[in-house]
């Protein structure tokens, strides 16, 4: 995965985000470093995918951030 993160093709760089999202649900600390390398990617396509995947991982571990009637004023919109 770490080789794919640095590949010149944006389609190849996007692939690890989906795979890491699934793995990151159980092991987020091991995934955030690789996702961080793609967070500032030149391709908007890759950056949007990273943001989506991090959001999904965040929902798994930090459900309090999901807006509902009790926490609407303090939640973060994902």
Protein backbone atom coordinates (compact mmCIF):
# COMPACT_ATOMS: atom_id res chain seq x y z
CA UNK A 1 0.00 0.00 0.00
CA UNK A 2 2.79 2.43 0.81
CA UNK A 3 4.16 2.04 -2.73
CA UNK A 4 0.76 2.73 -4.25
CA UNK A 5 0.39 5.91 -2.20
CA UNK A 6 3.39 7.36 -4.06
CA UNK A 7 2.53 6.10 -7.55
CA UNK A 8 2.45 8.75 -10.33
CA UNK A 9 -1.03 7.63 -11.50
CA UNK A 10 -3.91 9.15 -9.51
CA UNK A 11 -6.05 6.06 -10.09
CA UNK A 12 -3.42 3.90 -8.42
CA UNK A 13 -3.05 6.38 -5.52
CA UNK A 14 -6.81 6.26 -4.96
CA UNK A 15 -6.94 2.46 -4.61
CA UNK A 16 -5.31 2.30 -1.15
CA UNK A 17 -7.87 4.69 0.31
CA UNK A 18 -10.71 2.21 -0.16
CA UNK A 19 -8.70 -0.74 1.10
CA UNK A 20 -7.33 1.25 4.02
CA UNK A 21 -10.81 2.47 4.93
CA UNK A 22 -11.92 -1.09 5.55
CA UNK A 23 -8.77 -1.95 7.50
CA UNK A 24 -8.83 1.39 9.31
CA UNK A 25 -12.18 0.71 10.88
CA UNK A 26 -10.42 -1.73 13.20
CA UNK A 27 -6.87 -0.26 13.19
CA UNK A 28 -7.15 3.52 12.62
CA UNK A 29 -3.76 4.37 14.10
CA UNK A 30 -2.00 2.30 11.44
CA UNK A 31 -3.94 3.83 8.57
CA UNK A 32 -3.92 7.54 9.34
CA UNK A 33 -0.24 7.91 8.41
CA UNK A 34 -0.76 6.55 4.90
CA UNK A 35 -3.96 8.53 4.45
CA UNK A 36 -2.13 11.64 5.62
CA UNK A 37 0.30 11.29 2.74
CA UNK A 38 -2.65 11.49 0.33
CA UNK A 39 -4.58 14.23 2.12
CA UNK A 40 -2.55 16.90 0.32
CA UNK A 41 -2.36 15.09 -3.02
CA UNK A 42 -2.26 17.15 -6.22
CA UNK A 43 -5.38 15.36 -7.49
CA UNK A 44 -8.76 16.55 -6.19
CA UNK A 45 -10.08 13.08 -7.08
CA UNK A 46 -7.67 11.48 -4.60
CA UNK A 47 -8.22 14.14 -1.89
CA UNK A 48 -12.01 13.74 -2.03
CA UNK A 49 -11.69 9.99 -1.72
CA UNK A 50 -9.36 10.35 1.27
CA UNK A 51 -11.80 12.73 2.96
CA UNK A 52 -14.67 10.30 2.39
CA UNK A 53 -12.70 7.35 3.74
CA UNK A 54 -11.52 9.24 6.83
CA UNK A 55 -15.10 10.30 7.44
CA UNK A 56 -16.31 6.71 7.33
CA UNK A 57 -13.54 5.66 9.70
CA UNK A 58 -14.45 8.53 12.02
CA UNK A 59 -18.08 7.44 12.12
CA UNK A 60 -16.98 4.03 13.29
CA UNK A 61 -14.95 5.38 16.24
CA UNK A 62 -16.49 8.76 17.03
CA UNK A 63 -20.24 8.43 16.58
CA UNK A 64 -20.76 11.38 18.94
CA UNK A 65 -19.66 13.61 16.05
CA UNK A 66 -22.61 12.52 13.92
CA UNK A 67 -25.30 15.19 14.17
CA UNK A 68 -28.47 14.36 16.01
CA UNK A 69 -30.95 16.22 18.18
CA UNK A 70 -28.77 15.97 21.30
CA UNK A 71 -25.45 17.18 19.93
CA UNK A 72 -26.37 19.35 16.95
CA UNK A 73 -24.69 22.47 18.38
CA UNK A 74 -21.38 20.76 19.13
CA UNK A 75 -21.04 18.19 16.34
CA UNK A 76 -18.69 18.30 13.39
CA UNK A 77 -20.25 17.92 9.98
CA UNK A 78 -18.50 15.09 8.15
